[in-house]
Amino acid sequence: ESGNGAGDLRDALVTGWADNNPDAAADWAVSNGALHLMDPIFDEMSRLGGMQRLEQWMARAGGPGAAVAGEELGRAKLREDMTEGTAWIVQHETEPWNEGGERALTLVLELADKSIPQAMLLAHQLKDPAPADQVMRHWASKDVTGVSQWLRDNPDSGQYDTAAAALARAVATEDPAAARAWAMSIRDEARRTQALRALGEAP
């Protein structure tokens, strides 16, 4: 029923239900659009049956429930073992839970907050180029020196142009000359032109 505190009471009842039957609680949360409850439910599901139980529920549920479960499963696997977690995400990249790459992108960016090298390792194994591009932009916004050194050390990387464009944007205000130099180093002509225009420069 609606009313003051009804939503909080419902949430408490569902998360309490998960203590005894997390599968049923997860089914209810998905059916009733209460996806914000999935994290504590999945925690309980994993506690009772490990990640295998979460994988079994994910395979049965499908739809939005599987998408939330897949993201949480990928997150848990990365926490438990970085190598195995990376392999699992790459292996399941094209499955429906990934929602056009959005769930894997979320996991890569979360990982980038903890370890840029690990995030890049995961991103470079994915078919979708967007995660690697996003990690580079994220890195450039936080660590200009690190990205500058990476560009010098990796001139032949497939991510060079993305990193150079991100770095040019990051240093444009403080060092316009350096920004232009990095933009000019971009090998792809169309991307170089785009980067220069973003700096307000003619190609």
C-alpha atoms as a PDB file:
ATOM      1  CA  GLU A   1       0.000   0.000   0.000  1.00  0.00           C
ATOM      2  CA  SER A   2       1.073   3.595  -0.547  1.00  0.00           C
ATOM      3  CA  GLY A   3       1.748   6.023   2.278  1.00  0.00           C
ATOM      4  CA  ASN A   4       4.502   7.513   4.362  1.00  0.00           C
ATOM      5  CA  GLY A   5       7.263   4.974   4.906  1.00  0.00           C
ATOM      6  CA  ALA A   6       5.543   2.293   2.832  1.00  0.00           C
ATOM      7  CA  GLY A   7       8.431   2.092   0.372  1.00  0.00           C
ATOM      8  CA  ASP A   8      10.982   1.802   3.169  1.00  0.00           C
ATOM      9  CA  LEU A   9       8.943  -0.914   4.865  1.00  0.00           C
ATOM     10  CA  ARG A  10       8.617  -2.811   1.587  1.00  0.00           C
ATOM     11  CA  ASP A  11      12.356  -2.591   0.981  1.00  0.00           C
ATOM     12  CA  ALA A  12      13.118  -3.822   4.472  1.00  0.00           C
ATOM     13  CA  LEU A  13      10.742  -6.759   4.070  1.00  0.00           C
ATOM     14  CA  VAL A  14      12.252  -7.755   0.728  1.00  0.00           C
ATOM     15  CA  THR A  15      15.841  -7.567   1.961  1.00  0.00           C
ATOM     16  CA  GLY A  16      14.802  -9.551   5.037  1.00  0.00           C
ATOM     17  CA  TRP A  17      13.165 -12.103   2.750  1.00  0.00           C
ATOM     18  CA  ALA A  18      16.528 -12.438   0.986  1.00  0.00           C
ATOM     19  CA  ASP A  19      18.025 -13.823   4.206  1.00  0.00           C
ATOM     20  CA  ASN A  20      15.976 -16.988   3.702  1.00  0.00           C
ATOM     21  CA  ASN A  21      15.176 -17.053  -0.016  1.00  0.00           C
ATOM     22  CA  PRO A  22      17.291 -14.633  -2.066  1.00  0.00           C
ATOM     23  CA  ASP A  23      16.213 -16.181  -5.366  1.00  0.00           C
ATOM     24  CA  ALA A  24      12.553 -15.468  -4.695  1.00  0.00           C
ATOM     25  CA  ALA A  25      13.357 -11.989  -3.358  1.00  0.00           C
ATOM     26  CA  ALA A  26      15.345 -11.246  -6.521  1.00  0.00           C
ATOM     27  CA  ASP A  27      12.480 -12.486  -8.706  1.00  0.00           C
ATOM     28  CA  TRP A  28      10.069 -10.198  -6.864  1.00  0.00           C
ATOM     29  CA  ALA A  29      12.389  -7.184  -7.074  1.00  0.00           C
ATOM     30  CA  VAL A  30      12.741  -7.590 -10.843  1.00  0.00           C
ATOM     31  CA  SER A  31       9.011  -8.151 -11.391  1.00  0.00           C
ATOM     32  CA  ASN A  32       8.157  -5.050  -9.368  1.00  0.00           C
ATOM     33  CA  GLY A  33      10.820  -2.716 -10.733  1.00  0.00           C
ATOM     34  CA  ALA A  34      12.738  -2.581  -7.453  1.00  0.00           C
ATOM     35  CA  LEU A  35      16.186  -3.037  -8.990  1.00  0.00           C
ATOM     36  CA  HIS A  36      17.743  -0.806  -6.314  1.00  0.00           C
ATOM     37  CA  LEU A  37      17.307  -3.762  -3.936  1.00  0.00           C
ATOM     38  CA  MET A  38      19.348  -6.149  -6.050  1.00  0.00           C
ATOM     39  CA  ASP A  39      22.762  -5.414  -4.521  1.00  0.00           C
ATOM     40  CA  PRO A  40      21.898  -6.552  -0.974  1.00  0.00           C
ATOM     41  CA  ILE A  41      19.920  -9.478  -2.385  1.00  0.00           C
ATOM     42  CA  PHE A  42      22.880 -10.572  -4.504  1.00  0.00           C
ATOM     43  CA  ASP A  43      25.189 -10.215  -1.517  1.00  0.00           C
ATOM     44  CA  GLU A  44      23.005 -12.628   0.404  1.00  0.00           C
ATOM     45  CA  MET A  45      22.696 -14.950  -2.598  1.00  0.00           C
ATOM     46  CA  SER A  46      26.481 -15.080  -2.909  1.00  0.00           C
ATOM     47  CA  ARG A  47      26.886 -15.631   0.831  1.00  0.00           C
ATOM     48  CA  LEU A  48      24.585 -18.624   0.754  1.00  0.00           C
ATOM     49  CA  GLY A  49      25.745 -20.244  -2.477  1.00  0.00           C
ATOM     50  CA  GLY A  50      28.748 -18.409  -3.818  1.00  0.00           C
ATOM     51  CA  MET A  51      28.995 -16.865  -7.241  1.00  0.00           C
ATOM     52  CA  GLN A  52      27.753 -20.087  -8.798  1.00  0.00           C
ATOM     53  CA  ARG A  53      24.313 -19.465  -7.302  1.00  0.00           C
ATOM     54  CA  LEU A  54      24.294 -15.925  -8.654  1.00  0.00           C
ATOM     55  CA  GLU A  55      25.259 -17.225 -12.105  1.00  0.00           C
ATOM     56  CA  GLN A  56      22.442 -19.784 -11.959  1.00  0.00           C
ATOM     57  CA  TRP A  57      19.874 -17.117 -11.061  1.00  0.00           C
ATOM     58  CA  MET A  58      21.226 -14.823 -13.779  1.00  0.00           C
ATOM     59  CA  ALA A  59      20.897 -17.544 -16.437  1.00  0.00           C
ATOM     60  CA  ARG A  60      17.296 -18.200 -15.398  1.00  0.00           C
ATOM     61  CA  ALA A  61      16.154 -14.618 -14.930  1.00  0.00           C
ATOM     62  CA  GLY A  62      17.083 -12.941 -18.218  1.00  0.00           C
ATOM     63  CA  GLY A  63      16.033  -9.354 -18.958  1.00  0.00           C
ATOM     64  CA  PRO A  64      16.877  -6.464 -16.626  1.00  0.00           C
ATOM     65  CA  GLY A  65      17.542  -8.820 -13.743  1.00  0.00           C
ATOM     66  CA  ALA A  66      20.271 -10.587 -15.703  1.00  0.00           C
ATOM     67  CA  ALA A  67      21.832  -7.243 -16.633  1.00  0.00           C
ATOM     68  CA  VAL A  68      22.088  -6.172 -12.985  1.00  0.00           C
ATOM     69  CA  ALA A  69      23.279  -9.638 -11.986  1.00  0.00           C
ATOM     70  CA  GLY A  70      25.904  -9.717 -14.730  1.00  0.00           C
ATOM     71  CA  GLU A  71      27.371  -6.410 -13.636  1.00  0.00           C
ATOM     72  CA  GLU A  72      27.447  -7.494  -9.991  1.00  0.00           C
ATOM     73  CA  LEU A  73      28.932 -10.863 -10.942  1.00  0.00           C
ATOM     74  CA  GLY A  74      31.667  -9.210 -12.975  1.00  0.00           C
ATOM     75  CA  ARG A  75      32.406  -6.881 -10.064  1.00  0.00           C
ATOM     76  CA  ALA A  76      32.589  -9.792  -7.608  1.00  0.00           C
ATOM     77  CA  LYS A  77      34.837 -11.828  -9.895  1.00  0.00           C
ATOM     78  CA  LEU A  78      37.245  -8.906 -10.303  1.00  0.00           C
ATOM     79  CA  ARG A  79      37.409  -8.544  -6.514  1.00  0.00           C
ATOM     80  CA  GLU A  80      38.095 -12.243  -6.017  1.00  0.00           C
ATOM     81  CA  ASP A  81      40.656 -12.735  -8.792  1.00  0.00           C
ATOM     82  CA  MET A  82      41.560  -9.967 -11.240  1.00  0.00           C
ATOM     83  CA  THR A  83      42.760 -12.357 -13.956  1.00  0.00           C
ATOM     84  CA  GLU A  84      39.754 -14.670 -13.796  1.00  0.00           C
ATOM     85  CA  GLY A  85      37.358 -11.736 -13.488  1.00  0.00           C
ATOM     86  CA  THR A  86      38.822 -10.088 -16.574  1.00  0.00           C
ATOM     87  CA  ALA A  87      38.561 -13.353 -18.504  1.00  0.00           C
ATOM     88  CA  TRP A  88      34.907 -13.782 -17.463  1.00  0.00           C
ATOM     89  CA  ILE A  89      33.917 -10.275 -18.570  1.00  0.00           C
ATOM     90  CA  VAL A  90      35.688 -10.680 -21.914  1.00  0.00           C
ATOM     91  CA  GLN A  91      34.154 -14.111 -22.449  1.00  0.00           C
ATOM     92  CA  HIS A  92      30.626 -12.823 -21.797  1.00  0.00           C
ATOM     93  CA  GLU A  93      30.963  -9.422 -23.449  1.00  0.00           C
ATOM     94  CA  THR A  94      28.452 -10.111 -26.218  1.00  0.00           C
ATOM     95  CA  GLU A  95      25.748 -11.626 -24.006  1.00  0.00           C
ATOM     96  CA  PRO A  96      22.487  -9.691 -23.447  1.00  0.00           C
ATOM     97  CA  TRP A  97      23.375  -8.784 -19.851  1.00  0.00           C
ATOM     98  CA  ASN A  98      26.001  -6.373 -21.168  1.00  0.00           C
ATOM     99  CA  GLU A  99      23.303  -4.119 -22.686  1.00  0.00           C
ATOM    100  CA  GLY A 100      25.243  -2.894 -25.692  1.00  0.00           C
ATOM    101  CA  GLY A 101      28.500  -2.648 -23.782  1.00  0.00           C
ATOM    102  CA  GLU A 102      27.199  -0.401 -21.000  1.00  0.00           C
ATOM    103  CA  ARG A 103      27.665  -2.874 -18.146  1.00  0.00           C
ATOM    104  CA  ALA A 104      31.233  -3.780 -19.146  1.00  0.00           C
ATOM    105  CA  LEU A 105      32.017  -0.072 -19.527  1.00  0.00           C
ATOM    106  CA  THR A 106      30.800   0.553 -15.972  1.00  0.00           C
ATOM    107  CA  LEU A 107      33.062  -2.202 -14.663  1.00  0.00           C
ATOM    108  CA  VAL A 108      36.079  -0.912 -16.585  1.00  0.00           C
ATOM    109  CA  LEU A 109      35.599   2.647 -15.293  1.00  0.00           C
ATOM    110  CA  GLU A 110      35.168   1.413 -11.712  1.00  0.00           C
ATOM    111  CA  LEU A 111      38.400  -0.512 -12.109  1.00  0.00           C
ATOM    112  CA  ALA A 112      40.127   2.583 -13.515  1.00  0.00           C
ATOM    113  CA  ASP A 113      39.484   4.393 -10.223  1.00  0.00           C
ATOM    114  CA  LYS A 114      41.576   1.700  -8.506  1.00  0.00           C
ATOM    115  CA  SER A 115      44.154   0.776 -11.151  1.00  0.00           C
ATOM    116  CA  ILE A 116      44.591   2.336 -14.589  1.00  0.00           C
ATOM    117  CA  PRO A 117      46.908  -0.479 -15.801  1.00  0.00           C
ATOM    118  CA  GLN A 118      44.383  -3.164 -14.787  1.00  0.00           C
ATOM    119  CA  ALA A 119      41.543  -1.208 -16.386  1.00  0.00           C
ATOM    120  CA  MET A 120      43.500  -0.843 -19.618  1.00  0.00           C
ATOM    121  CA  LEU A 121      44.341  -4.544 -19.572  1.00  0.00           C
ATOM    122  CA  LEU A 122      40.636  -5.366 -19.388  1.00  0.00           C
ATOM    123  CA  ALA A 123      39.568  -2.678 -21.861  1.00  0.00           C
ATOM    124  CA  HIS A 124      42.070  -3.766 -24.513  1.00  0.00           C
ATOM    125  CA  GLN A 125      40.688  -7.318 -24.464  1.00  0.00           C
ATOM    126  CA  LEU A 126      37.128  -6.194 -25.197  1.00  0.00           C
ATOM    127  CA  LYS A 127      35.851  -6.000 -28.766  1.00  0.00           C
ATOM    128  CA  ASP A 128      34.156  -2.677 -28.042  1.00  0.00           C
ATOM    129  CA  PRO A 129      36.703   0.189 -28.288  1.00  0.00           C
ATOM    130  CA  ALA A 130      34.620   2.516 -26.072  1.00  0.00           C
ATOM    131  CA  PRO A 131      35.949   1.288 -22.683  1.00  0.00           C
ATOM    132  CA  ALA A 132      39.597   1.826 -23.670  1.00  0.00           C
ATOM    133  CA  ASP A 133      38.746   5.294 -24.986  1.00  0.00           C
ATOM    134  CA  GLN A 134      36.922   6.178 -21.783  1.00  0.00           C
ATOM    135  CA  VAL A 135      39.762   4.934 -19.580  1.00  0.00           C
ATOM    136  CA  MET A 136      42.219   7.092 -21.476  1.00  0.00           C
ATOM    137  CA  ARG A 137      40.005  10.165 -21.086  1.00  0.00           C
ATOM    138  CA  HIS A 138      39.508   9.372 -17.406  1.00  0.00           C
ATOM    139  CA  TRP A 139      43.255   8.951 -16.907  1.00  0.00           C
ATOM    140  CA  ALA A 140      44.120  12.190 -18.730  1.00  0.00           C
ATOM    141  CA  SER A 141      41.717  14.128 -16.519  1.00  0.00           C
ATOM    142  CA  LYS A 142      43.499  12.862 -13.398  1.00  0.00           C
ATOM    143  CA  ASP A 143      47.149  12.323 -14.303  1.00  0.00           C
ATOM    144  CA  VAL A 144      48.612  14.475 -17.087  1.00  0.00           C
ATOM    145  CA  THR A 145      52.183  13.390 -16.292  1.00  0.00           C
ATOM    146  CA  GLY A 146      51.290   9.693 -16.376  1.00  0.00           C
ATOM    147  CA  VAL A 147      49.512   9.936 -19.716  1.00  0.00           C
ATOM    148  CA  SER A 148      52.333  12.016 -21.197  1.00  0.00           C
ATOM    149  CA  GLN A 149      54.848   9.354 -20.232  1.00  0.00           C
ATOM    150  CA  TRP A 150      52.582   6.576 -21.526  1.00  0.00           C
ATOM    151  CA  LEU A 151      52.334   8.329 -24.907  1.00  0.00           C
ATOM    152  CA  ARG A 152      56.116   8.606 -25.122  1.00  0.00           C
ATOM    153  CA  ASP A 153      56.517   4.942 -24.180  1.00  0.00           C
ATOM    154  CA  ASN A 154      53.743   3.637 -26.449  1.00  0.00           C
ATOM    155  CA  PRO A 155      53.888   5.540 -29.754  1.00  0.00           C
ATOM    156  CA  ASP A 156      52.550   2.545 -31.701  1.00  0.00           C
ATOM    157  CA  SER A 157      49.620   1.734 -29.413  1.00  0.00           C
ATOM    158  CA  GLY A 158      46.156   1.517 -30.898  1.00  0.00           C
ATOM    159  CA  GLN A 159      45.083   3.899 -28.134  1.00  0.00           C
ATOM    160  CA  TYR A 160      47.681   6.548 -28.952  1.00  0.00           C
ATOM    161  CA  ASP A 161      45.321   8.871 -30.831  1.00  0.00           C
ATOM    162  CA  THR A 162      42.659   8.657 -28.131  1.00  0.00           C
ATOM    163  CA  ALA A 163      45.193   9.376 -25.386  1.00  0.00           C
ATOM    164  CA  ALA A 164      46.773  12.274 -27.293  1.00  0.00           C
ATOM    165  CA  ALA A 165      43.384  13.880 -27.925  1.00  0.00           C
ATOM    166  CA  ALA A 166      42.395  13.465 -24.266  1.00  0.00           C
ATOM    167  CA  LEU A 167      45.707  14.899 -23.095  1.00  0.00           C
ATOM    168  CA  ALA A 168      45.408  17.861 -25.466  1.00  0.00           C
ATOM    169  CA  ARG A 169      42.025  18.712 -23.942  1.00  0.00           C
ATOM    170  CA  ALA A 170      43.340  18.258 -20.413  1.00  0.00           C
ATOM    171  CA  VAL A 171      46.266  20.688 -20.786  1.00  0.00           C
ATOM    172  CA  ALA A 172      44.635  23.192 -23.167  1.00  0.00           C
ATOM    173  CA  THR A 173      43.986  25.870 -20.555  1.00  0.00           C
ATOM    174  CA  GLU A 174      47.336  25.753 -18.774  1.00  0.00           C
ATOM    175  CA  ASP A 175      49.593  25.005 -21.748  1.00  0.00           C
ATOM    176  CA  PRO A 176      48.033  25.750 -25.165  1.00  0.00           C
ATOM    177  CA  ALA A 177      51.318  25.101 -26.990  1.00  0.00           C
ATOM    178  CA  ALA A 178      51.641  21.624 -25.489  1.00  0.00           C
ATOM    179  CA  ALA A 179      47.978  20.942 -26.230  1.00  0.00           C
ATOM    180  CA  ARG A 180      48.498  21.799 -29.895  1.00  0.00           C
ATOM    181  CA  ALA A 181      51.648  19.675 -30.055  1.00  0.00           C
ATOM    182  CA  TRP A 182      49.843  16.644 -28.657  1.00  0.00           C
ATOM    183  CA  ALA A 183      46.909  17.213 -31.016  1.00  0.00           C
ATOM    184  CA  MET A 184      49.287  17.455 -33.961  1.00  0.00           C
ATOM    185  CA  SER A 185      50.824  14.110 -33.016  1.00  0.00           C
ATOM    186  CA  ILE A 186      47.519  12.319 -33.657  1.00  0.00           C
ATOM    187  CA  ARG A 187      48.034  10.051 -36.652  1.00  0.00           C
ATOM    188  CA  ASP A 188      44.471   9.737 -37.943  1.00  0.00           C
ATOM    189  CA  GLU A 189      43.769  12.839 -40.022  1.00  0.00           C
ATOM    190  CA  ALA A 190      40.073  13.105 -39.151  1.00  0.00           C
ATOM    191  CA  ARG A 191      40.736  12.719 -35.433  1.00  0.00           C
ATOM    192  CA  ARG A 192      43.630  15.172 -35.605  1.00  0.00           C
ATOM    193  CA  THR A 193      41.399  17.743 -37.277  1.00  0.00           C
ATOM    194  CA  GLN A 194      38.691  17.174 -34.692  1.00  0.00           C
ATOM    195  CA  ALA A 195      41.168  17.564 -31.825  1.00  0.00           C
ATOM    196  CA  LEU A 196      42.559  20.815 -33.241  1.00  0.00           C
ATOM    197  CA  ARG A 197      39.090  22.237 -33.740  1.00  0.00           C
ATOM    198  CA  ALA A 198      38.220  21.355 -30.140  1.00  0.00           C
ATOM    199  CA  LEU A 199      41.177  23.523 -29.154  1.00  0.00           C
ATOM    200  CA  GLY A 200      39.872  26.355 -31.324  1.00  0.00           C
ATOM    201  CA  GLU A 201      42.713  25.877 -33.805  1.00  0.00           C
ATOM    202  CA  ALA A 202      42.707  25.497 -37.563  1.00  0.00           C
ATOM    203  CA  PRO A 203      44.102  22.119 -38.720  1.00  0.00           C
END
